[in-house]
Amino acid sequence: MAEQLTSQTTCPWCTEPIEGDDETVSVGPPPSLSASRHQWELHDCCAQEWRVFVDKLTQLSQQGAHQALIEYPRQHGPEEVVSSSR
């Protein structure tokens, strides 16, 4: 059985504290994909924003823009890939 970790007290999406009465969603890989899975608790509204973000990442990948618009800026910073068209 996979070990599940949920030790954080801050939402990783908004970096705000998770209070006891906050509605949260657990996000993490399915047990079948990971021997030890880490679940992240996100505020419900943050999880909705995260889903939109993931959908956009998927769309960029399907368009063939993942390397240029996601991976390269992630590794080198967005300043390295932005140029003025003027």
PDB file of N, CA and C in Angstrom:
ATOM      1  N   MET A   1       0.835  -1.180   0.000  1.00  0.00           N
ATOM      2  CA  MET A   1       0.000   0.000   0.000  1.00  0.00           C
ATOM      3  C   MET A   1       0.885   1.251   0.000  1.00  0.00           C
ATOM      4  N   ALA A   2       0.500   2.256  -0.743  1.00  0.00           N
ATOM      5  CA  ALA A   2       1.278   3.487  -0.867  1.00  0.00           C
ATOM      6  C   ALA A   2       1.165   4.341   0.381  1.00  0.00           C
ATOM      7  N   GLU A   3       2.282   4.935   0.720  1.00  0.00           N
ATOM      8  CA  GLU A   3       2.295   5.850   1.854  1.00  0.00           C
ATOM      9  C   GLU A   3       1.778   7.199   1.374  1.00  0.00           C
ATOM     10  N   GLN A   4       0.851   7.780   2.137  1.00  0.00           N
ATOM     11  CA  GLN A   4       0.278   9.063   1.755  1.00  0.00           C
ATOM     12  C   GLN A   4       0.755  10.137   2.717  1.00  0.00           C
ATOM     13  N   LEU A   5       1.312  11.216   2.171  1.00  0.00           N
ATOM     14  CA  LEU A   5       1.815  12.309   2.976  1.00  0.00           C
ATOM     15  C   LEU A   5       0.982  13.561   2.722  1.00  0.00           C
ATOM     16  N   THR A   6       0.513  14.211   3.767  1.00  0.00           N
ATOM     17  CA  THR A   6      -0.213  15.474   3.627  1.00  0.00           C
ATOM     18  C   THR A   6       0.123  16.352   4.820  1.00  0.00           C
ATOM     19  N   SER A   7       1.364  16.730   4.947  1.00  0.00           N
ATOM     20  CA  SER A   7       1.813  17.415   6.149  1.00  0.00           C
ATOM     21  C   SER A   7       1.785  18.936   6.058  1.00  0.00           C
ATOM     22  N   GLN A   8       1.510  19.506   4.902  1.00  0.00           N
ATOM     23  CA  GLN A   8       1.618  20.941   4.782  1.00  0.00           C
ATOM     24  C   GLN A   8       0.415  21.655   5.408  1.00  0.00           C
ATOM     25  N   THR A   9       0.647  22.860   5.858  1.00  0.00           N
ATOM     26  CA  THR A   9      -0.418  23.675   6.443  1.00  0.00           C
ATOM     27  C   THR A   9      -0.673  24.915   5.594  1.00  0.00           C
ATOM     28  N   THR A  10      -0.008  24.988   4.448  1.00  0.00           N
ATOM     29  CA  THR A  10      -0.152  26.108   3.533  1.00  0.00           C
ATOM     30  C   THR A  10      -0.536  25.574   2.163  1.00  0.00           C
ATOM     31  N   CYS A  11      -1.449  26.239   1.507  1.00  0.00           N
ATOM     32  CA  CYS A  11      -1.841  25.867   0.156  1.00  0.00           C
ATOM     33  C   CYS A  11      -0.675  26.187  -0.782  1.00  0.00           C
ATOM     34  N   PRO A  12      -0.169  25.214  -1.539  1.00  0.00           N
ATOM     35  CA  PRO A  12       0.973  25.470  -2.418  1.00  0.00           C
ATOM     36  C   PRO A  12       0.612  26.382  -3.597  1.00  0.00           C
ATOM     37  N   TRP A  13      -0.660  26.526  -3.905  1.00  0.00           N
ATOM     38  CA  TRP A  13      -1.063  27.350  -5.042  1.00  0.00           C
ATOM     39  C   TRP A  13      -1.072  28.835  -4.689  1.00  0.00           C
ATOM     40  N   CYS A  14      -1.673  29.185  -3.543  1.00  0.00           N
ATOM     41  CA  CYS A  14      -1.795  30.604  -3.170  1.00  0.00           C
ATOM     42  C   CYS A  14      -0.858  30.995  -2.032  1.00  0.00           C
ATOM     43  N   THR A  15      -0.218  30.017  -1.422  1.00  0.00           N
ATOM     44  CA  THR A  15       0.691  30.178  -0.282  1.00  0.00           C
ATOM     45  C   THR A  15       0.013  30.773   0.953  1.00  0.00           C
ATOM     46  N   GLU A  16      -1.302  30.687   1.001  1.00  0.00           N
ATOM     47  CA  GLU A  16      -2.046  31.125   2.188  1.00  0.00           C
ATOM     48  C   GLU A  16      -2.249  29.922   3.108  1.00  0.00           C
ATOM     49  N   PRO A  17      -2.351  30.171   4.418  1.00  0.00           N
ATOM     50  CA  PRO A  17      -2.576  29.060   5.350  1.00  0.00           C
ATOM     51  C   PRO A  17      -3.892  28.331   5.082  1.00  0.00           C
ATOM     52  N   ILE A  18      -3.893  27.052   5.369  1.00  0.00           N
ATOM     53  CA  ILE A  18      -5.117  26.269   5.307  1.00  0.00           C
ATOM     54  C   ILE A  18      -5.652  26.189   6.730  1.00  0.00           C
ATOM     55  N   GLU A  19      -6.802  26.771   6.917  1.00  0.00           N
ATOM     56  CA  GLU A  19      -7.440  26.788   8.233  1.00  0.00           C
ATOM     57  C   GLU A  19      -8.336  25.567   8.363  1.00  0.00           C
ATOM     58  N   GLY A  20      -8.676  25.217   9.577  1.00  0.00           N
ATOM     59  CA  GLY A  20      -9.484  24.028   9.837  1.00  0.00           C
ATOM     60  C   GLY A  20     -10.839  24.024   9.175  1.00  0.00           C
ATOM     61  N   ASP A  21     -11.440  25.199   8.973  1.00  0.00           N
ATOM     62  CA  ASP A  21     -12.778  25.242   8.372  1.00  0.00           C
ATOM     63  C   ASP A  21     -12.755  25.499   6.868  1.00  0.00           C
ATOM     64  N   ASP A  22     -11.561  25.594   6.264  1.00  0.00           N
ATOM     65  CA  ASP A  22     -11.440  25.801   4.816  1.00  0.00           C
ATOM     66  C   ASP A  22     -11.833  24.532   4.073  1.00  0.00           C
ATOM     67  N   GLU A  23     -12.532  24.702   2.957  1.00  0.00           N
ATOM     68  CA  GLU A  23     -12.813  23.563   2.088  1.00  0.00           C
ATOM     69  C   GLU A  23     -11.583  23.319   1.228  1.00  0.00           C
ATOM     70  N   THR A  24     -11.077  22.094   1.254  1.00  0.00           N
ATOM     71  CA  THR A  24      -9.859  21.763   0.520  1.00  0.00           C
ATOM     72  C   THR A  24     -10.085  20.564  -0.392  1.00  0.00           C
ATOM     73  N   VAL A  25      -9.156  20.415  -1.312  1.00  0.00           N
ATOM     74  CA  VAL A  25      -9.142  19.297  -2.244  1.00  0.00           C
ATOM     75  C   VAL A  25      -7.751  18.690  -2.182  1.00  0.00           C
ATOM     76  N   SER A  26      -7.658  17.363  -2.140  1.00  0.00           N
ATOM     77  CA  SER A  26      -6.373  16.679  -2.177  1.00  0.00           C
ATOM     78  C   SER A  26      -5.983  16.424  -3.626  1.00  0.00           C
ATOM     79  N   VAL A  27      -4.744  16.772  -3.976  1.00  0.00           N
ATOM     80  CA  VAL A  27      -4.244  16.605  -5.339  1.00  0.00           C
ATOM     81  C   VAL A  27      -2.951  15.817  -5.272  1.00  0.00           C
ATOM     82  N   GLY A  28      -2.841  14.794  -6.077  1.00  0.00           N
ATOM     83  CA  GLY A  28      -1.636  13.982  -6.116  1.00  0.00           C
ATOM     84  C   GLY A  28      -1.815  12.832  -7.080  1.00  0.00           C
ATOM     85  N   PRO A  29      -0.736  12.116  -7.368  1.00  0.00           N
ATOM     86  CA  PRO A  29      -0.822  11.009  -8.322  1.00  0.00           C
ATOM     87  C   PRO A  29      -1.639   9.849  -7.758  1.00  0.00           C
ATOM     88  N   PRO A  30      -2.272   9.086  -8.643  1.00  0.00           N
ATOM     89  CA  PRO A  30      -3.004   7.901  -8.184  1.00  0.00           C
ATOM     90  C   PRO A  30      -2.043   6.883  -7.580  1.00  0.00           C
ATOM     91  N   PRO A  31      -2.509   6.106  -6.625  1.00  0.00           N
ATOM     92  CA  PRO A  31      -1.636   5.117  -5.972  1.00  0.00           C
ATOM     93  C   PRO A  31      -0.968   4.153  -6.941  1.00  0.00           C
ATOM     94  N   SER A  32      -1.631   3.842  -8.047  1.00  0.00           N
ATOM     95  CA  SER A  32      -1.059   2.885  -9.004  1.00  0.00           C
ATOM     96  C   SER A  32       0.158   3.439  -9.740  1.00  0.00           C
ATOM     97  N   LEU A  33       0.361   4.754  -9.716  1.00  0.00           N
ATOM     98  CA  LEU A  33       1.486   5.355 -10.434  1.00  0.00           C
ATOM     99  C   LEU A  33       2.675   5.685  -9.553  1.00  0.00           C
ATOM    100  N   SER A  34       2.527   5.559  -8.250  1.00  0.00           N
ATOM    101  CA  SER A  34       3.608   5.962  -7.364  1.00  0.00           C
ATOM    102  C   SER A  34       3.630   5.086  -6.117  1.00  0.00           C
ATOM    103  N   ALA A  35       4.827   4.586  -5.767  1.00  0.00           N
ATOM    104  CA  ALA A  35       4.956   3.753  -4.569  1.00  0.00           C
ATOM    105  C   ALA A  35       4.705   4.572  -3.305  1.00  0.00           C
ATOM    106  N   SER A  36       5.199   5.785  -3.269  1.00  0.00           N
ATOM    107  CA  SER A  36       4.893   6.657  -2.145  1.00  0.00           C
ATOM    108  C   SER A  36       4.306   7.930  -2.738  1.00  0.00           C
ATOM    109  N   ARG A  37       3.081   8.182  -2.454  1.00  0.00           N
ATOM    110  CA  ARG A  37       2.432   9.329  -3.083  1.00  0.00           C
ATOM    111  C   ARG A  37       2.308  10.477  -2.106  1.00  0.00           C
ATOM    112  N   HIS A  38       2.510  11.644  -2.628  1.00  0.00           N
ATOM    113  CA  HIS A  38       2.362  12.840  -1.815  1.00  0.00           C
ATOM    114  C   HIS A  38       1.125  13.566  -2.272  1.00  0.00           C
ATOM    115  N   GLN A  39       0.219  13.771  -1.371  1.00  0.00           N
ATOM    116  CA  GLN A  39      -0.996  14.502  -1.653  1.00  0.00           C
ATOM    117  C   GLN A  39      -0.817  15.939  -1.187  1.00  0.00           C
ATOM    118  N   TRP A  40      -1.198  16.883  -2.013  1.00  0.00           N
ATOM    119  CA  TRP A  40      -1.166  18.293  -1.660  1.00  0.00           C
ATOM    120  C   TRP A  40      -2.588  18.744  -1.389  1.00  0.00           C
ATOM    121  N   GLU A  41      -2.760  19.477  -0.315  1.00  0.00           N
ATOM    122  CA  GLU A  41      -4.069  20.052  -0.012  1.00  0.00           C
ATOM    123  C   GLU A  41      -4.117  21.453  -0.605  1.00  0.00           C
ATOM    124  N   LEU A  42      -5.112  21.709  -1.431  1.00  0.00           N
ATOM    125  CA  LEU A  42      -5.332  23.019  -2.024  1.00  0.00           C
ATOM    126  C   LEU A  42      -6.701  23.513  -1.588  1.00  0.00           C
ATOM    127  N   HIS A  43      -6.819  24.826  -1.383  1.00  0.00           N
ATOM    128  CA  HIS A  43      -8.150  25.382  -1.162  1.00  0.00           C
ATOM    129  C   HIS A  43      -9.000  24.995  -2.374  1.00  0.00           C
ATOM    130  N   ASP A  44     -10.285  24.841  -2.166  1.00  0.00           N
ATOM    131  CA  ASP A  44     -11.173  24.457  -3.258  1.00  0.00           C
ATOM    132  C   ASP A  44     -11.065  25.434  -4.429  1.00  0.00           C
ATOM    133  N   CYS A  45     -11.062  26.738  -4.149  1.00  0.00           N
ATOM    134  CA  CYS A  45     -10.968  27.737  -5.228  1.00  0.00           C
ATOM    135  C   CYS A  45      -9.603  27.661  -5.918  1.00  0.00           C
ATOM    136  N   CYS A  46      -8.557  27.356  -5.179  1.00  0.00           N
ATOM    137  CA  CYS A  46      -7.217  27.211  -5.766  1.00  0.00           C
ATOM    138  C   CYS A  46      -7.161  25.978  -6.667  1.00  0.00           C
ATOM    139  N   ALA A  47      -7.824  24.910  -6.255  1.00  0.00           N
ATOM    140  CA  ALA A  47      -7.853  23.696  -7.073  1.00  0.00           C
ATOM    141  C   ALA A  47      -8.549  23.970  -8.402  1.00  0.00           C
ATOM    142  N   GLN A  48      -9.566  24.822  -8.384  1.00  0.00           N
ATOM    143  CA  GLN A  48     -10.248  25.181  -9.636  1.00  0.00           C
ATOM    144  C   GLN A  48      -9.303  25.964 -10.553  1.00  0.00           C
ATOM    145  N   GLU A  49      -8.552  26.904  -9.986  1.00  0.00           N
ATOM    146  CA  GLU A  49      -7.567  27.658 -10.777  1.00  0.00           C
ATOM    147  C   GLU A  49      -6.493  26.722 -11.324  1.00  0.00           C
ATOM    148  N   TRP A  50      -6.060  25.776 -10.490  1.00  0.00           N
ATOM    149  CA  TRP A  50      -5.026  24.817 -10.896  1.00  0.00           C
ATOM    150  C   TRP A  50      -5.522  23.967 -12.067  1.00  0.00           C
ATOM    151  N   ARG A  51      -6.786  23.557 -12.033  1.00  0.00           N
ATOM    152  CA  ARG A  51      -7.340  22.759 -13.133  1.00  0.00           C
ATOM    153  C   ARG A  51      -7.307  23.540 -14.445  1.00  0.00           C
ATOM    154  N   VAL A  52      -7.639  24.835 -14.402  1.00  0.00           N
ATOM    155  CA  VAL A  52      -7.586  25.683 -15.592  1.00  0.00           C
ATOM    156  C   VAL A  52      -6.145  25.759 -16.097  1.00  0.00           C
ATOM    157  N   PHE A  53      -5.204  25.915 -15.173  1.00  0.00           N
ATOM    158  CA  PHE A  53      -3.783  25.954 -15.506  1.00  0.00           C
ATOM    159  C   PHE A  53      -3.342  24.654 -16.196  1.00  0.00           C
ATOM    160  N   VAL A  54      -3.730  23.520 -15.651  1.00  0.00           N
ATOM    161  CA  VAL A  54      -3.378  22.221 -16.229  1.00  0.00           C
ATOM    162  C   VAL A  54      -3.999  22.076 -17.614  1.00  0.00           C
ATOM    163  N   ASP A  55      -5.236  22.526 -17.763  1.00  0.00           N
ATOM    164  CA  ASP A  55      -5.875  22.477 -19.085  1.00  0.00           C
ATOM    165  C   ASP A  55      -5.085  23.302 -20.091  1.00  0.00           C
ATOM    166  N   LYS A  56      -4.601  24.468 -19.679  1.00  0.00           N
ATOM    167  CA  LYS A  56      -3.813  25.326 -20.570  1.00  0.00           C
ATOM    168  C   LYS A  56      -2.483  24.658 -20.926  1.00  0.00           C
ATOM    169  N   LEU A  57      -1.830  24.035 -19.939  1.00  0.00           N
ATOM    170  CA  LEU A  57      -0.587  23.304 -20.214  1.00  0.00           C
ATOM    171  C   LEU A  57      -0.832  22.189 -21.237  1.00  0.00           C
ATOM    172  N   THR A  58      -1.926  21.482 -21.076  1.00  0.00           N
ATOM    173  CA  THR A  58      -2.274  20.401 -21.993  1.00  0.00           C
ATOM    174  C   THR A  58      -2.495  20.956 -23.396  1.00  0.00           C
ATOM    175  N   GLN A  59      -3.221  22.067 -23.472  1.00  0.00           N
ATOM    176  CA  GLN A  59      -3.477  22.698 -24.765  1.00  0.00           C
ATOM    177  C   GLN A  59      -2.174  23.127 -25.441  1.00  0.00           C
ATOM    178  N   LEU A  60      -1.275  23.736 -24.683  1.00  0.00           N
ATOM    179  CA  LEU A  60       0.015  24.159 -25.243  1.00  0.00           C
ATOM    180  C   LEU A  60       0.812  22.958 -25.747  1.00  0.00           C
ATOM    181  N   SER A  61       0.785  21.870 -24.991  1.00  0.00           N
ATOM    182  CA  SER A  61       1.498  20.659 -25.416  1.00  0.00           C
ATOM    183  C   SER A  61       0.923  20.108 -26.704  1.00  0.00           C
ATOM    184  N   GLN A  62      -0.395  20.093 -26.814  1.00  0.00           N
ATOM    185  CA  GLN A  62      -1.036  19.570 -28.012  1.00  0.00           C
ATOM    186  C   GLN A  62      -0.744  20.440 -29.228  1.00  0.00           C
ATOM    187  N   GLN A  63      -0.476  21.713 -29.013  1.00  0.00           N
ATOM    188  CA  GLN A  63      -0.154  22.620 -30.117  1.00  0.00           C
ATOM    189  C   GLN A  63       1.333  22.582 -30.471  1.00  0.00           C
ATOM    190  N   GLY A  64       2.116  21.836 -29.693  1.00  0.00           N
ATOM    191  CA  GLY A  64       3.544  21.746 -29.952  1.00  0.00           C
ATOM    192  C   GLY A  64       4.347  22.884 -29.342  1.00  0.00           C
ATOM    193  N   ALA A  65       3.742  23.660 -28.446  1.00  0.00           N
ATOM    194  CA  ALA A  65       4.408  24.826 -27.871  1.00  0.00           C
ATOM    195  C   ALA A  65       4.951  24.579 -26.465  1.00  0.00           C
ATOM    196  N   HIS A  66       4.850  23.365 -25.989  1.00  0.00           N
ATOM    197  CA  HIS A  66       5.258  23.063 -24.608  1.00  0.00           C
ATOM    198  C   HIS A  66       6.728  23.383 -24.349  1.00  0.00           C
ATOM    199  N   GLN A  67       7.604  22.965 -25.236  1.00  0.00           N
ATOM    200  CA  GLN A  67       9.039  23.180 -25.028  1.00  0.00           C
ATOM    201  C   GLN A  67       9.374  24.668 -24.981  1.00  0.00           C
ATOM    202  N   ALA A  68       8.869  25.426 -25.946  1.00  0.00           N
ATOM    203  CA  ALA A  68       9.212  26.850 -26.044  1.00  0.00           C
ATOM    204  C   ALA A  68       8.528  27.701 -24.984  1.00  0.00           C
ATOM    205  N   LEU A  69       7.274  27.391 -24.664  1.00  0.00           N
ATOM    206  CA  LEU A  69       6.511  28.256 -23.761  1.00  0.00           C
ATOM    207  C   LEU A  69       6.467  27.783 -22.314  1.00  0.00           C
ATOM    208  N   ILE A  70       6.872  26.532 -22.065  1.00  0.00           N
ATOM    209  CA  ILE A  70       6.836  26.014 -20.689  1.00  0.00           C
ATOM    210  C   ILE A  70       8.223  25.579 -20.222  1.00  0.00           C
ATOM    211  N   GLU A  71       8.816  24.610 -20.889  1.00  0.00           N
ATOM    212  CA  GLU A  71      10.071  24.027 -20.404  1.00  0.00           C
ATOM    213  C   GLU A  71      11.252  25.002 -20.444  1.00  0.00           C
ATOM    214  N   TYR A  72      11.458  25.660 -21.574  1.00  0.00           N
ATOM    215  CA  TYR A  72      12.602  26.564 -21.654  1.00  0.00           C
ATOM    216  C   TYR A  72      12.484  27.705 -20.639  1.00  0.00           C
ATOM    217  N   PRO A  73      11.344  28.401 -20.549  1.00  0.00           N
ATOM    218  CA  PRO A  73      11.232  29.464 -19.537  1.00  0.00           C
ATOM    219  C   PRO A  73      11.341  28.939 -18.100  1.00  0.00           C
ATOM    220  N   ARG A  74      10.882  27.734 -17.873  1.00  0.00           N
ATOM    221  CA  ARG A  74      10.977  27.152 -16.525  1.00  0.00           C
ATOM    222  C   ARG A  74      12.437  26.955 -16.142  1.00  0.00           C
ATOM    223  N   GLN A  75      13.248  26.569 -17.084  1.00  0.00           N
ATOM    224  CA  GLN A  75      14.654  26.301 -16.811  1.00  0.00           C
ATOM    225  C   GLN A  75      15.527  27.546 -16.858  1.00  0.00           C
ATOM    226  N   HIS A  76      15.160  28.519 -17.699  1.00  0.00           N
ATOM    227  CA  HIS A  76      16.034  29.667 -17.931  1.00  0.00           C
ATOM    228  C   HIS A  76      15.410  31.008 -17.576  1.00  0.00           C
ATOM    229  N   GLY A  77      14.137  31.030 -17.237  1.00  0.00           N
ATOM    230  CA  GLY A  77      13.446  32.283 -16.948  1.00  0.00           C
ATOM    231  C   GLY A  77      12.744  32.813 -18.183  1.00  0.00           C
ATOM    232  N   PRO A  78      11.611  33.462 -17.995  1.00  0.00           N
ATOM    233  CA  PRO A  78      10.837  33.943 -19.145  1.00  0.00           C
ATOM    234  C   PRO A  78      11.551  35.052 -19.928  1.00  0.00           C
ATOM    235  N   GLU A  79      12.462  35.783 -19.285  1.00  0.00           N
ATOM    236  CA  GLU A  79      13.163  36.859 -19.965  1.00  0.00           C
ATOM    237  C   GLU A  79      13.959  36.353 -21.167  1.00  0.00           C
ATOM    238  N   GLU A  80      14.410  35.106 -21.092  1.00  0.00           N
ATOM    239  CA  GLU A  80      15.229  34.521 -22.150  1.00  0.00           C
ATOM    240  C   GLU A  80      14.453  34.230 -23.419  1.00  0.00           C
ATOM    241  N   VAL A  81      13.130  34.139 -23.346  1.00  0.00           N
ATOM    242  CA  VAL A  81      12.356  33.749 -24.518  1.00  0.00           C
ATOM    243  C   VAL A  81      11.470  34.867 -25.053  1.00  0.00           C
ATOM    244  N   VAL A  82      11.345  35.956 -24.319  1.00  0.00           N
ATOM    245  CA  VAL A  82      10.471  37.039 -24.750  1.00  0.00           C
ATOM    246  C   VAL A  82      11.276  38.054 -25.557  1.00  0.00           C
ATOM    247  N   SER A  83      10.782  38.345 -26.750  1.00  0.00           N
ATOM    248  CA  SER A  83      11.420  39.384 -27.555  1.00  0.00           C
ATOM    249  C   SER A  83      10.337  40.280 -28.127  1.00  0.00           C
ATOM    250  N   SER A  84      10.654  41.521 -28.309  1.00  0.00           N
ATOM    251  CA  SER A  84       9.713  42.479 -28.846  1.00  0.00           C
ATOM    252  C   SER A  84       9.583  42.271 -30.351  1.00  0.00           C
ATOM    253  N   SER A  85       8.375  42.383 -30.848  1.00  0.00           N
ATOM    254  CA  SER A  85       8.158  42.213 -32.288  1.00  0.00           C
ATOM    255  C   SER A  85       8.280  43.543 -33.026  1.00  0.00           C
ATOM    256  N   ARG A  86       8.634  44.585 -32.333  1.00  0.00           N
ATOM    257  CA  ARG A  86       8.786  45.911 -32.958  1.00  0.00           C
ATOM    258  C   ARG A  86      10.193  46.165 -33.396  1.00  0.00           C
TER     259      ARG A  86
END
